Amino acid sequence: MDEELYNKYVKLGRGNWGRGYNLLKTMYLGYLQLIKDEEFTPVVELSINVFLEIFKARRNETPIIMYPFNFGPEIFHAMDITPLMQEMFSVGLAPSHLNEIYLDFTNKVGYGDNPTLCNAQRPLIGAYMQDSAPIPDLLFFLSTPCNPLSISYQVFQQLTGVPSFNIDIPYWAYNEVSEFYDEKTMRYIIDQLKSLISWLEKQTKQKLNPDKFQQTMLWLNEAREYALEFNELLKTVPCPADSVAGYTNTICMATRGGTYDAVKGTKFLRDTAAENVKNGIGGIPDEKIRIAWPYTHVFFDYGLFPWLEREFNAVTILDLIGFYQPLPQDISTNEKCFESLAKGTLDFPMIGTCRGPIEYYIDFVINYVKDYKVDCVIFPMQFACKHAYLMTRVTSEAVREETGVPTLIFGVDPYDSREVTSDAIRGKISEFLTQIVL
């Protein structure tokens, strides 16, 4: 980024962001400093805009809605409601370990501990009680992928007094070829999405604009197409992207889905991967190991994947959040638009794999191992993800039996460096790769 552009964005972020938003402002300025010397790409521009849109909304008194990472914000963008992905704050603090201050405070007031509730949400409770967290105008959450998330949002609502709405995600499949198909699934989720819009209209006193809704869906379809093509390109050997590109793809859709920012971001990632495939270039030099990582990142250690790339020439092709699966859909009518949103909700990362029978997750991992020519599978599991924690052992055995690919399971809290340290994690992975995989 050139100096003039950097200074422009610093200037745009100046001023009072409002009560509880000062730490978010600090994160924005820190992000600018971090990427100051990097190439200014559409993905960088998108990330900056995520912050600035929140500041603009506070300044212009535009409604802000806080929501979790596992829901596409298309409806919010279509209704001119500024989305604030909750994990942008609570998980965004993890690399600097600032979240641990709020985790400790939350412990002191008696709200849970690491083995029972997920630390992706829990820091926000302590931050709210210390007047340090951004208070939105509205709250939205889902019943999946876990009880800790939905329970924590109820606590957020009690602490802030902010109106909230939640969607119950159905257990069964919508695809008729699935053995778990239920004809009521699609209608159930569509009706709830329509109820969400009615609730938003009532809360904000503004109606959904049909023309803006259609444009939002067109942009959503275009970005989904690029994401799908990107996923297909990752099957190439060597993998044409590095270990965080897939996660970046999902972040584009989880923060700016339904906007032109997401179209530009996903197209950039697709084009970069396609150019590398064309030229026979890998996302990392001299690729030797292809890793499936069917869980979240270890967020307090953003250097973990680059370390794997340097030390073992290992590319992590899959992480559970970083594989965006919703497909482009028919949006020729208003009802088809809602079907598209419903399918996207049911297939969103971590929702599609963790909302129903264990077979959803097992089949997902096995198919990925086969399709992407994976050499090993690594499961970094935290007990707070009780559903995934229980599925992992069964999935690990199924992978080994059906594909012969070795697997590693180890315990970790992805958000708290004090539970299992970076050194301990890297030691376990190093031993596994050197003694079993290589």
Protein backbone atom coordinates (compact mmCIF):
# COMPACT_ATOMS: atom_id res chain seq x y z
CA MET A 1 0.00 0.00 0.00
CA ASP A 2 1.46 3.38 -0.95
CA GLU A 3 1.90 6.03 1.72
CA GLU A 4 -0.82 8.30 0.37
CA LEU A 5 -3.43 5.53 0.48
CA TYR A 6 -2.30 4.46 3.94
CA ASN A 7 -2.63 8.01 5.25
CA LYS A 8 -6.06 8.30 3.62
CA TYR A 9 -7.35 5.25 5.53
CA VAL A 10 -5.79 6.41 8.79
CA LYS A 11 -7.58 9.73 8.36
CA LEU A 12 -10.89 8.03 7.58
CA GLY A 13 -10.70 6.18 10.89
CA ARG A 14 -10.08 9.22 13.03
CA GLY A 15 -12.70 10.53 15.39
CA ASN A 16 -14.89 9.15 18.13
CA TRP A 17 -16.28 5.75 17.16
CA GLY A 18 -18.77 5.79 20.02
CA ARG A 19 -19.29 4.05 23.33
CA GLY A 20 -17.63 0.65 23.45
CA TYR A 21 -16.06 1.04 20.00
CA ASN A 22 -12.66 2.47 20.94
CA LEU A 23 -11.04 -0.96 21.10
CA LEU A 24 -12.46 -1.74 17.66
CA LYS A 25 -10.92 1.52 16.43
CA THR A 26 -7.57 0.44 17.88
CA MET A 27 -7.89 -2.88 16.05
CA TYR A 28 -8.55 -1.01 12.79
CA LEU A 29 -5.49 1.21 13.18
CA GLY A 30 -3.42 -1.83 14.16
CA TYR A 31 -4.59 -3.67 11.05
CA LEU A 32 -3.57 -0.73 8.87
CA GLN A 33 -0.12 -0.76 10.44
CA LEU A 34 0.13 -4.51 9.89
CA ILE A 35 -0.66 -4.34 6.17
CA LYS A 36 1.04 -1.01 5.51
CA ASP A 37 3.82 -2.57 3.44
CA GLU A 38 1.67 -5.23 1.73
CA GLU A 39 0.10 -5.17 -1.72
CA PHE A 40 -3.25 -3.37 -1.76
CA THR A 41 -5.56 -6.12 -3.03
CA PRO A 42 -9.37 -6.36 -3.19
CA VAL A 43 -9.20 -8.57 -0.08
CA VAL A 44 -7.28 -5.90 1.84
CA GLU A 45 -9.75 -3.27 0.65
CA LEU A 46 -12.67 -5.44 1.79
CA SER A 47 -11.15 -5.89 5.25
CA ILE A 48 -10.65 -2.15 5.64
CA ASN A 49 -14.22 -1.48 4.51
CA VAL A 50 -15.59 -3.88 7.13
CA PHE A 51 -14.14 -1.64 9.83
CA LEU A 52 -15.02 1.65 8.16
CA GLU A 53 -18.63 0.68 7.50
CA ILE A 54 -19.11 0.17 11.23
CA PHE A 55 -17.58 3.59 11.98
CA LYS A 56 -19.75 5.23 9.31
CA ALA A 57 -22.84 3.54 10.70
CA ARG A 58 -22.13 4.87 14.19
CA ARG A 59 -21.47 8.35 12.85
CA ASN A 60 -24.59 8.37 10.62
CA GLU A 61 -26.84 6.57 13.13
CA THR A 62 -27.36 3.68 10.74
CA PRO A 63 -28.53 0.49 12.54
CA ILE A 64 -25.80 -2.02 13.39
CA ILE A 65 -26.61 -5.69 13.86
CA MET A 66 -24.20 -8.11 15.54
CA TYR A 67 -24.24 -11.70 14.26
CA PRO A 68 -22.03 -14.81 14.42
CA PHE A 69 -19.50 -16.05 11.87
CA ASN A 70 -21.75 -18.81 10.51
CA PHE A 71 -24.39 -16.71 8.77
CA GLY A 72 -24.21 -14.80 5.51
CA PRO A 73 -25.04 -11.08 5.98
CA GLU A 74 -26.85 -10.64 2.65
CA ILE A 75 -30.22 -9.71 4.16
CA PHE A 76 -28.57 -7.06 6.34
CA HIS A 77 -26.77 -5.48 3.39
CA ALA A 78 -29.96 -5.53 1.32
CA MET A 79 -31.74 -3.59 4.07
CA ASP A 80 -28.95 -1.02 4.67
CA ILE A 81 -28.28 -2.46 8.13
CA THR A 82 -24.57 -2.57 8.93
CA PRO A 83 -23.42 -6.06 9.96
CA LEU A 84 -20.85 -6.51 12.73
CA MET A 85 -19.55 -10.06 12.83
CA GLN A 86 -19.12 -10.73 16.55
CA GLU A 87 -15.93 -12.80 16.18
CA MET A 88 -14.26 -9.87 14.42
CA PHE A 89 -13.97 -8.40 17.91
CA SER A 90 -13.85 -11.31 20.35
CA VAL A 91 -11.68 -13.62 18.22
CA GLY A 92 -9.82 -10.72 16.63
CA LEU A 93 -8.31 -9.98 20.04
CA ALA A 94 -6.84 -13.49 20.38
CA PRO A 95 -3.55 -13.01 18.44
CA SER A 96 -2.59 -10.17 20.80
CA HIS A 97 -3.94 -12.15 23.80
CA LEU A 98 -6.10 -9.19 24.81
CA ASN A 99 -9.10 -11.51 24.88
CA GLU A 100 -7.54 -13.31 27.84
CA ILE A 101 -8.05 -10.22 30.03
CA TYR A 102 -11.80 -10.46 29.43
CA LEU A 103 -11.83 -14.24 29.76
CA ASP A 104 -10.29 -13.93 33.23
CA PHE A 105 -12.81 -11.28 34.23
CA THR A 106 -15.67 -13.44 32.95
CA ASN A 107 -14.34 -16.31 35.06
CA LYS A 108 -14.24 -14.10 38.15
CA VAL A 109 -17.90 -13.16 37.81
CA GLY A 110 -18.75 -16.85 37.56
CA TYR A 111 -19.76 -17.26 33.94
CA GLY A 112 -18.41 -20.66 32.94
CA ASP A 113 -14.91 -21.86 32.24
CA ASN A 114 -12.99 -23.13 29.24
CA PRO A 115 -14.17 -26.76 29.26
CA THR A 116 -17.85 -25.83 29.13
CA LEU A 117 -18.32 -22.67 27.05
CA CYS A 118 -16.60 -21.53 23.89
CA ASN A 119 -14.06 -18.76 24.20
CA ALA A 120 -14.99 -17.48 20.75
CA GLN A 121 -17.94 -15.72 22.43
CA ARG A 122 -17.12 -15.60 26.12
CA PRO A 123 -14.64 -12.65 26.08
CA LEU A 124 -17.49 -10.41 24.98
CA ILE A 125 -19.27 -10.94 28.30
CA GLY A 126 -16.36 -9.57 30.33
CA ALA A 127 -15.84 -6.80 27.79
CA TYR A 128 -19.50 -5.73 28.06
CA MET A 129 -19.29 -5.73 31.83
CA GLN A 130 -16.24 -3.46 31.60
CA ASP A 131 -17.84 -1.19 28.98
CA SER A 132 -15.19 -2.16 26.41
CA ALA A 133 -17.23 -4.01 23.79
CA PRO A 134 -19.14 -2.56 20.83
CA ILE A 135 -22.87 -2.43 21.63
CA PRO A 136 -24.95 -2.94 18.47
CA ASP A 137 -28.52 -1.85 17.87
CA LEU A 138 -29.72 -5.39 17.15
CA LEU A 139 -28.58 -8.96 17.83
CA PHE A 140 -29.01 -12.00 15.61
CA PHE A 141 -27.91 -15.60 16.18
CA LEU A 142 -28.62 -19.20 15.19
CA SER A 143 -29.27 -22.36 17.17
CA THR A 144 -26.24 -24.04 15.60
CA PRO A 145 -23.50 -25.10 15.37
CA CYS A 146 -23.37 -25.28 19.16
CA ASN A 147 -25.20 -24.61 22.41
CA PRO A 148 -22.42 -22.35 23.80
CA LEU A 149 -22.98 -19.88 20.95
CA SER A 150 -26.75 -19.65 21.34
CA ILE A 151 -26.52 -19.50 25.14
CA SER A 152 -23.89 -16.75 25.02
CA TYR A 153 -26.04 -14.60 22.74
CA GLN A 154 -28.83 -14.77 25.28
CA VAL A 155 -26.36 -13.44 27.84
CA PHE A 156 -25.33 -10.66 25.43
CA GLN A 157 -28.98 -9.70 25.12
CA GLN A 158 -29.42 -9.55 28.88
CA LEU A 159 -26.26 -7.47 29.37
CA THR A 160 -27.03 -4.95 26.62
CA GLY A 161 -30.82 -4.87 26.54
CA VAL A 162 -30.59 -4.97 22.73
CA PRO A 163 -33.49 -6.61 20.83
CA SER A 164 -32.53 -10.03 19.49
CA PHE A 165 -33.77 -12.54 16.93
CA ASN A 166 -32.67 -16.11 16.44
CA ILE A 167 -33.21 -18.78 13.80
CA ASP A 168 -33.61 -22.46 14.59
CA ILE A 169 -31.58 -24.49 12.11
CA PRO A 170 -33.27 -27.76 11.07
CA TYR A 171 -31.53 -31.06 11.62
CA TRP A 172 -32.48 -32.79 8.37
CA ALA A 173 -31.23 -32.40 4.79
CA TYR A 174 -32.97 -30.45 2.03
CA ASN A 175 -31.46 -32.50 -0.82
CA GLU A 176 -33.87 -35.22 -1.94
CA VAL A 177 -31.08 -37.70 -2.71
CA SER A 178 -29.92 -37.68 0.91
CA GLU A 179 -30.98 -40.47 3.23
CA PHE A 180 -31.68 -37.73 5.78
CA TYR A 181 -34.00 -35.73 3.50
CA ASP A 182 -37.10 -34.16 5.00
CA GLU A 183 -39.49 -32.22 2.77
CA LYS A 184 -40.20 -29.73 5.59
CA THR A 185 -36.59 -28.55 5.88
CA MET A 186 -36.60 -25.85 3.19
CA ARG A 187 -40.01 -24.44 4.11
CA TYR A 188 -38.98 -24.30 7.76
CA ILE A 189 -35.87 -22.19 7.12
CA ILE A 190 -37.48 -20.00 4.43
CA ASP A 191 -40.32 -19.05 6.76
CA GLN A 192 -37.82 -18.07 9.44
CA LEU A 193 -35.80 -15.93 7.04
CA LYS A 194 -38.97 -14.11 6.04
CA SER A 195 -39.80 -13.62 9.70
CA LEU A 196 -36.30 -12.18 10.20
CA ILE A 197 -36.98 -9.60 7.50
CA SER A 198 -40.33 -8.68 9.07
CA TRP A 199 -38.61 -8.28 12.44
CA LEU A 200 -35.87 -6.11 10.92
CA GLU A 201 -38.45 -3.94 9.20
CA LYS A 202 -40.27 -3.44 12.48
CA GLN A 203 -37.10 -2.69 14.45
CA THR A 204 -35.55 -0.30 11.91
CA LYS A 205 -38.76 1.25 10.51
CA GLN A 206 -37.47 0.62 6.98
CA LYS A 207 -38.77 -1.77 4.33
CA LEU A 208 -36.80 -4.22 2.24
CA ASN A 209 -36.19 -2.57 -1.14
CA PRO A 210 -36.98 -5.16 -3.88
CA ASP A 211 -34.47 -3.67 -6.34
CA LYS A 212 -31.66 -3.62 -3.79
CA PHE A 213 -32.58 -7.16 -2.71
CA GLN A 214 -32.28 -8.36 -6.32
CA GLN A 215 -28.90 -6.65 -6.75
CA THR A 216 -27.71 -8.18 -3.50
CA MET A 217 -28.67 -11.64 -4.74
CA LEU A 218 -26.95 -11.07 -8.10
CA TRP A 219 -23.73 -10.13 -6.33
CA LEU A 220 -24.14 -13.09 -3.98
CA ASN A 221 -24.48 -15.49 -6.90
CA GLU A 222 -21.43 -14.05 -8.64
CA ALA A 223 -19.27 -14.33 -5.52
CA ARG A 224 -20.50 -17.87 -4.88
CA GLU A 225 -19.47 -18.81 -8.41
CA TYR A 226 -15.95 -17.49 -7.85
CA ALA A 227 -15.74 -19.30 -4.51
CA LEU A 228 -16.84 -22.56 -6.15
CA GLU A 229 -14.21 -22.19 -8.89
CA PHE A 230 -11.58 -21.39 -6.27
CA ASN A 231 -12.45 -24.58 -4.37
CA GLU A 232 -12.06 -26.64 -7.54
CA LEU A 233 -8.67 -25.09 -8.29
CA LEU A 234 -7.39 -26.16 -4.86
CA LYS A 235 -7.59 -29.79 -6.03
CA THR A 236 -4.57 -29.13 -8.25
CA VAL A 237 -1.16 -30.48 -7.24
CA PRO A 238 0.68 -28.39 -6.20
CA CYS A 239 -2.08 -26.45 -4.45
CA PRO A 240 -2.20 -22.99 -6.09
CA ALA A 241 -2.94 -21.11 -2.86
CA ASP A 242 -1.39 -20.86 0.58
CA SER A 243 -2.86 -22.18 3.82
CA VAL A 244 -5.01 -19.14 4.67
CA ALA A 245 -6.50 -18.36 1.26
CA GLY A 246 -9.55 -20.58 1.82
CA TYR A 247 -10.25 -18.94 5.16
CA THR A 248 -9.94 -15.55 3.49
CA ASN A 249 -12.48 -16.67 0.90
CA THR A 250 -15.02 -17.43 3.62
CA ILE A 251 -14.30 -14.18 5.46
CA CYS A 252 -15.19 -12.30 2.27
CA MET A 253 -18.58 -14.01 2.28
CA ALA A 254 -19.15 -13.95 6.05
CA THR A 255 -18.55 -10.21 6.33
CA ARG A 256 -19.46 -8.72 2.95
CA GLY A 257 -21.61 -11.39 1.28
CA GLY A 258 -24.12 -9.74 -1.05
CA THR A 259 -21.88 -6.74 -1.81
CA TYR A 260 -19.55 -5.88 -4.66
CA ASP A 261 -16.67 -6.05 -2.18
CA ALA A 262 -17.26 -9.81 -1.86
CA VAL A 263 -17.42 -10.18 -5.65
CA LYS A 264 -14.05 -8.44 -6.03
CA GLY A 265 -12.48 -10.34 -3.14
CA THR A 266 -13.54 -13.83 -4.25
CA LYS A 267 -12.67 -13.05 -7.89
CA PHE A 268 -9.19 -11.94 -6.85
CA LEU A 269 -8.63 -15.19 -4.95
CA ARG A 270 -10.00 -17.25 -7.85
CA ASP A 271 -7.92 -15.37 -10.43
CA THR A 272 -4.73 -15.69 -8.38
CA ALA A 273 -5.23 -19.44 -7.95
CA ALA A 274 -6.11 -19.87 -11.64
CA GLU A 275 -2.99 -18.00 -12.73
CA ASN A 276 -0.85 -20.18 -10.47
CA VAL A 277 -2.42 -23.35 -11.92
CA LYS A 278 -1.77 -22.09 -15.43
CA ASN A 279 1.89 -21.47 -14.61
CA GLY A 280 2.37 -24.59 -12.47
CA ILE A 281 3.08 -22.51 -9.37
CA GLY A 282 2.23 -23.72 -5.88
CA GLY A 283 0.92 -21.53 -3.09
CA ILE A 284 4.02 -22.57 -1.15
CA PRO A 285 7.42 -23.56 -2.53
CA ASP A 286 8.15 -27.24 -3.12
CA GLU A 287 4.90 -28.65 -1.71
CA LYS A 288 5.43 -31.99 0.07
CA ILE A 289 2.44 -32.46 2.37
CA ARG A 290 -1.26 -31.64 1.87
CA ILE A 291 -3.14 -31.27 5.16
CA ALA A 292 -6.88 -31.37 5.87
CA TRP A 293 -7.69 -29.40 9.04
CA PRO A 294 -11.42 -29.98 9.60
CA TYR A 295 -11.79 -27.65 12.54
CA THR A 296 -11.09 -23.96 13.25
CA HIS A 297 -7.72 -22.22 13.19
CA VAL A 298 -5.69 -21.88 16.36
CA PHE A 299 -6.51 -18.19 16.45
CA PHE A 300 -4.02 -17.15 19.10
CA ASP A 301 -1.22 -18.46 16.86
CA TYR A 302 -1.55 -16.95 13.40
CA GLY A 303 2.01 -18.05 12.71
CA LEU A 304 1.11 -21.76 12.91
CA PHE A 305 0.25 -22.32 9.23
CA PRO A 306 3.20 -20.28 7.93
CA TRP A 307 5.41 -22.34 10.27
CA LEU A 308 4.05 -25.56 8.72
CA GLU A 309 4.74 -24.14 5.29
CA ARG A 310 8.34 -23.20 6.14
CA GLU A 311 9.33 -26.21 8.22
CA PHE A 312 7.57 -29.02 6.36
CA ASN A 313 6.58 -27.58 2.98
CA ALA A 314 3.07 -28.44 4.13
CA VAL A 315 0.01 -26.66 2.76
CA THR A 316 -3.21 -26.75 4.78
CA ILE A 317 -5.87 -26.99 2.09
CA LEU A 318 -8.90 -27.29 4.32
CA ASP A 319 -9.95 -25.70 7.55
CA LEU A 320 -13.55 -26.17 8.60
CA ILE A 321 -14.51 -22.50 8.35
CA GLY A 322 -12.36 -21.86 5.30
CA PHE A 323 -14.21 -24.14 2.87
CA TYR A 324 -17.16 -22.08 1.59
CA GLN A 325 -19.70 -24.49 0.06
CA PRO A 326 -22.96 -22.62 -0.78
CA LEU A 327 -23.57 -22.76 -4.53
CA PRO A 328 -25.01 -20.16 -6.90
CA GLN A 329 -28.76 -20.68 -7.26
CA ASP A 330 -31.72 -19.70 -9.41
CA ILE A 331 -32.81 -16.20 -8.31
CA SER A 332 -35.32 -15.51 -11.09
CA THR A 333 -38.19 -14.86 -8.67
CA ASN A 334 -38.53 -13.47 -5.17
CA GLU A 335 -39.34 -16.93 -3.81
CA LYS A 336 -36.28 -18.39 -5.55
CA CYS A 337 -34.16 -15.72 -3.85
CA PHE A 338 -35.38 -16.96 -0.48
CA GLU A 339 -34.63 -20.55 -1.48
CA SER A 340 -31.11 -19.47 -2.38
CA LEU A 341 -30.66 -17.76 1.00
CA ALA A 342 -32.06 -20.81 2.78
CA LYS A 343 -29.69 -23.21 1.04
CA GLY A 344 -26.80 -20.86 1.74
CA THR A 345 -27.74 -20.77 5.42
CA LEU A 346 -27.95 -24.56 5.66
CA ASP A 347 -24.67 -25.08 3.77
CA PHE A 348 -22.65 -22.30 5.42
CA PRO A 349 -19.25 -23.34 6.84
CA MET A 350 -19.62 -25.28 10.09
CA ILE A 351 -23.42 -25.23 9.78
CA GLY A 352 -23.55 -27.66 6.87
CA THR A 353 -21.21 -30.13 8.55
CA CYS A 354 -22.20 -29.80 12.22
CA ARG A 355 -25.97 -29.29 12.33
CA GLY A 356 -27.30 -32.82 11.96
CA PRO A 357 -26.36 -36.49 11.91
CA ILE A 358 -22.70 -37.39 12.35
CA GLU A 359 -22.70 -38.63 8.75
CA TYR A 360 -22.71 -35.00 7.52
CA TYR A 361 -19.29 -34.44 9.04
CA ILE A 362 -17.82 -37.88 8.32
CA ASP A 363 -18.82 -37.81 4.64
CA PHE A 364 -17.54 -34.25 4.30
CA VAL A 365 -14.09 -35.12 5.63
CA ILE A 366 -13.74 -38.41 3.72
CA ASN A 367 -14.81 -36.85 0.43
CA TYR A 368 -12.40 -33.99 0.98
CA VAL A 369 -9.48 -36.31 1.71
CA LYS A 370 -10.15 -38.15 -1.56
CA ASP A 371 -10.94 -35.17 -3.79
CA TYR A 372 -8.08 -32.97 -2.63
CA LYS A 373 -5.42 -35.70 -2.49
CA VAL A 374 -4.80 -35.12 1.21
CA ASP A 375 -1.80 -36.75 2.91
CA CYS A 376 -2.97 -36.38 6.52
CA VAL A 377 -5.79 -35.00 8.66
CA ILE A 378 -5.22 -32.90 11.78
CA PHE A 379 -8.02 -32.30 14.30
CA PRO A 380 -7.24 -29.60 16.92
CA MET A 381 -10.23 -30.02 19.22
CA GLN A 382 -11.62 -28.07 22.16
CA PHE A 383 -14.04 -29.63 24.61
CA ALA A 384 -16.43 -26.67 24.40
CA CYS A 385 -17.28 -27.92 20.88
CA LYS A 386 -18.91 -30.93 22.45
CA HIS A 387 -20.64 -32.07 19.25
CA ALA A 388 -17.45 -31.87 17.16
CA TYR A 389 -15.37 -33.27 20.02
CA LEU A 390 -17.51 -36.40 20.03
CA MET A 391 -17.54 -36.71 16.23
CA THR A 392 -13.81 -36.44 15.82
CA ARG A 393 -12.77 -39.88 17.07
CA VAL A 394 -15.38 -41.64 14.95
CA THR A 395 -14.43 -39.54 11.92
CA SER A 396 -10.74 -40.21 12.46
CA GLU A 397 -11.32 -43.96 12.45
CA ALA A 398 -13.55 -43.73 9.38
CA VAL A 399 -10.91 -41.76 7.49
CA ARG A 400 -8.18 -44.26 8.27
CA GLU A 401 -10.38 -47.25 7.40
CA GLU A 402 -11.65 -45.86 4.10
CA THR A 403 -8.62 -43.94 2.83
CA GLY A 404 -5.60 -45.12 4.83
CA VAL A 405 -4.67 -41.51 5.50
CA PRO A 406 -3.15 -40.94 8.97
CA THR A 407 -4.87 -38.61 11.45
CA LEU A 408 -3.83 -36.60 14.50
CA ILE A 409 -6.16 -35.45 17.29
CA PHE A 410 -4.98 -33.15 20.06
CA GLY A 411 -6.72 -30.97 22.62
CA VAL A 412 -6.44 -27.19 22.43
CA ASP A 413 -8.40 -24.05 23.13
CA PRO A 414 -8.06 -22.11 19.84
CA TYR A 415 -8.66 -18.81 21.66
CA ASP A 416 -6.65 -19.12 24.89
CA SER A 417 -2.89 -19.64 24.61
CA ARG A 418 -2.62 -20.68 28.26
CA GLU A 419 -4.49 -23.97 27.90
CA VAL A 420 -2.12 -25.56 25.39
CA THR A 421 0.80 -23.40 24.27
CA SER A 422 2.02 -22.78 20.73
CA ASP A 423 5.20 -24.70 21.50
CA ALA A 424 3.20 -27.73 22.68
CA ILE A 425 0.97 -27.64 19.60
CA ARG A 426 3.91 -27.38 17.22
CA GLY A 427 5.68 -30.18 19.05
CA LYS A 428 2.71 -32.56 18.62
CA ILE A 429 2.32 -31.72 14.93
CA SER A 430 6.07 -31.95 14.27
CA GLU A 431 6.24 -35.40 15.83
CA PHE A 432 3.24 -36.57 13.82
CA LEU A 433 4.53 -35.27 10.50
CA THR A 434 8.09 -36.51 10.91
CA GLN A 435 7.35 -39.93 12.39
CA ILE A 436 4.13 -40.92 10.61
CA VAL A 437 3.45 -38.79 7.53
CA LEU A 438 6.87 -38.24 5.96
